Structure formats: C-alpha cells, structure tokens
Amino acid sequence: VKEWFWYGEGGKIHLNIRYGSKIIELAKGKNAIEVADTKELLDTLALIRTAVMAGELDSQIEATSEKLRAVFTR
C-alpha cells in the first residue's frame, strides 16, 4: 500500500488523492494538498469527499482513469 500522506517542512502534512495506483492531478501541475495539522487534514478529507460526491472531481478522475487503463492495453 502506498502512503497517501507525508510530513513536509515545518511539520506540515501533504497528501495525494489517488485513483487506483495513479495520483489525481488536482490542478495543472499540482498533485498534492498541504495542510497544517491533523485537524485540518480531517476537515480537508471531508471537503474532498463532498467534492467527489458532488461530481466536482469527475474530469480529473476520468483523466486519471484513462492513464491507468492505458497501462493495461499495451
């Protein structure tokens, strides 16, 4: 299992959102979220869940899904 978060400079927490083994690009050139502490991490994960359920990440998930499927069609 790949880690989905790590600690950066100053103790800040960085996390990736994954679709399978691929990291979802959240914005052009950006694939991680930085939060100050575990409280903010939990709040951020709740926001991400809400965004996914509302379909706000559908285009990013689809793009990542296509990249993942391409690996299997070679």
C-alpha atoms as a PDB file:
ATOM      1  CA  VAL A   1       0.000   0.000   0.000  1.00  0.00           C
ATOM      2  CA  LYS A   2       1.440   3.346  -0.997  1.00  0.00           C
ATOM      3  CA  GLU A   3       1.389   6.144   1.532  1.00  0.00           C
ATOM      4  CA  TRP A   4      -1.109   8.854   0.694  1.00  0.00           C
ATOM      5  CA  PHE A   5       0.310  11.455   3.044  1.00  0.00           C
ATOM      6  CA  TRP A   6       3.697  12.555   4.331  1.00  0.00           C
ATOM      7  CA  TYR A   7       5.180  15.232   6.548  1.00  0.00           C
ATOM      8  CA  GLY A   8       6.993  18.116   4.888  1.00  0.00           C
ATOM      9  CA  GLU A   9       8.954  21.089   6.126  1.00  0.00           C
ATOM     10  CA  GLY A  10       7.761  22.601   9.361  1.00  0.00           C
ATOM     11  CA  GLY A  11       5.657  19.536  10.160  1.00  0.00           C
ATOM     12  CA  LYS A  12       3.024  20.326   7.542  1.00  0.00           C
ATOM     13  CA  ILE A  13       1.117  17.368   6.139  1.00  0.00           C
ATOM     14  CA  HIS A  14       0.973  16.743   2.398  1.00  0.00           C
ATOM     15  CA  LEU A  15      -1.470  14.332   0.816  1.00  0.00           C
ATOM     16  CA  ASN A  16      -2.255  12.893  -2.582  1.00  0.00           C
ATOM     17  CA  ILE A  17      -5.617  11.760  -3.856  1.00  0.00           C
ATOM     18  CA  ARG A  18      -5.344   8.524  -5.829  1.00  0.00           C
ATOM     19  CA  TYR A  19      -7.414   6.610  -8.323  1.00  0.00           C
ATOM     20  CA  GLY A  20      -6.023   3.106  -8.151  1.00  0.00           C
ATOM     21  CA  SER A  21      -2.261   3.448  -8.255  1.00  0.00           C
ATOM     22  CA  LYS A  22      -2.324   6.802 -10.052  1.00  0.00           C
ATOM     23  CA  ILE A  23      -2.223  10.209  -8.392  1.00  0.00           C
ATOM     24  CA  ILE A  24      -5.015  12.568  -9.410  1.00  0.00           C
ATOM     25  CA  GLU A  25      -3.819  15.939 -10.681  1.00  0.00           C
ATOM     26  CA  LEU A  26      -6.000  18.397  -8.775  1.00  0.00           C
ATOM     27  CA  ALA A  27      -4.959  21.428 -10.820  1.00  0.00           C
ATOM     28  CA  LYS A  28      -2.486  21.843 -13.669  1.00  0.00           C
ATOM     29  CA  GLY A  29       0.862  20.725 -12.288  1.00  0.00           C
ATOM     30  CA  LYS A  30      -0.498  20.225  -8.767  1.00  0.00           C
ATOM     31  CA  ASN A  31      -0.988  16.769  -7.320  1.00  0.00           C
ATOM     32  CA  ALA A  32      -0.809  17.321  -3.555  1.00  0.00           C
ATOM     33  CA  ILE A  33      -2.620  19.215  -0.841  1.00  0.00           C
ATOM     34  CA  GLU A  34      -0.782  20.810   2.084  1.00  0.00           C
ATOM     35  CA  VAL A  35      -2.421  21.191   5.489  1.00  0.00           C
ATOM     36  CA  ALA A  36      -1.078  22.475   8.799  1.00  0.00           C
ATOM     37  CA  ASP A  37      -2.142  19.687  11.159  1.00  0.00           C
ATOM     38  CA  THR A  38      -4.318  16.601  11.634  1.00  0.00           C
ATOM     39  CA  LYS A  39      -7.421  18.688  12.409  1.00  0.00           C
ATOM     40  CA  GLU A  40      -7.081  20.474   9.091  1.00  0.00           C
ATOM     41  CA  LEU A  41      -6.353  17.115   7.423  1.00  0.00           C
ATOM     42  CA  LEU A  42      -9.667  15.689   8.630  1.00  0.00           C
ATOM     43  CA  ASP A  43     -11.553  18.812   7.538  1.00  0.00           C
ATOM     44  CA  THR A  44      -9.854  18.676   4.124  1.00  0.00           C
ATOM     45  CA  LEU A  45     -10.691  14.996   3.661  1.00  0.00           C
ATOM     46  CA  ALA A  46     -14.338  15.801   4.429  1.00  0.00           C
ATOM     47  CA  LEU A  47     -14.265  18.562   1.795  1.00  0.00           C
ATOM     48  CA  ILE A  48     -12.702  16.193  -0.741  1.00  0.00           C
ATOM     49  CA  ARG A  49     -15.386  13.606  -0.049  1.00  0.00           C
ATOM     50  CA  THR A  50     -18.106  16.207  -0.565  1.00  0.00           C
ATOM     51  CA  ALA A  51     -16.486  17.368  -3.825  1.00  0.00           C
ATOM     52  CA  VAL A  52     -16.236  13.793  -5.128  1.00  0.00           C
ATOM     53  CA  MET A  53     -19.847  13.028  -4.233  1.00  0.00           C
ATOM     54  CA  ALA A  54     -20.959  16.241  -5.991  1.00  0.00           C
ATOM     55  CA  GLY A  55     -19.037  15.260  -9.131  1.00  0.00           C
ATOM     56  CA  GLU A  56     -16.578  18.133  -8.873  1.00  0.00           C
ATOM     57  CA  LEU A  57     -13.589  15.854  -9.491  1.00  0.00           C
ATOM     58  CA  ASP A  58     -15.162  13.771 -12.258  1.00  0.00           C
ATOM     59  CA  SER A  59     -12.970  15.214 -15.028  1.00  0.00           C
ATOM     60  CA  GLN A  60      -9.768  14.664 -13.016  1.00  0.00           C
ATOM     61  CA  ILE A  61     -10.846  11.126 -12.111  1.00  0.00           C
ATOM     62  CA  GLU A  62     -11.689  10.345 -15.754  1.00  0.00           C
ATOM     63  CA  ALA A  63      -8.318  11.637 -16.963  1.00  0.00           C
ATOM     64  CA  THR A  64      -6.517   9.545 -14.363  1.00  0.00           C
ATOM     65  CA  SER A  65      -8.663   6.521 -15.202  1.00  0.00           C
ATOM     66  CA  GLU A  66      -7.682   6.793 -18.871  1.00  0.00           C
ATOM     67  CA  LYS A  67      -3.983   6.869 -17.912  1.00  0.00           C
ATOM     68  CA  LEU A  68      -4.468   3.817 -15.714  1.00  0.00           C
ATOM     69  CA  ARG A  69      -6.338   1.871 -18.423  1.00  0.00           C
ATOM     70  CA  ALA A  70      -3.631   2.709 -20.958  1.00  0.00           C
ATOM     71  CA  VAL A  71      -1.176   0.673 -18.907  1.00  0.00           C
ATOM     72  CA  PHE A  72      -3.323  -2.433 -19.352  1.00  0.00           C
ATOM     73  CA  THR A  73      -3.895  -2.065 -23.106  1.00  0.00           C
ATOM     74  CA  ARG A  74      -0.246  -2.254 -24.144  1.00  0.00           C
END
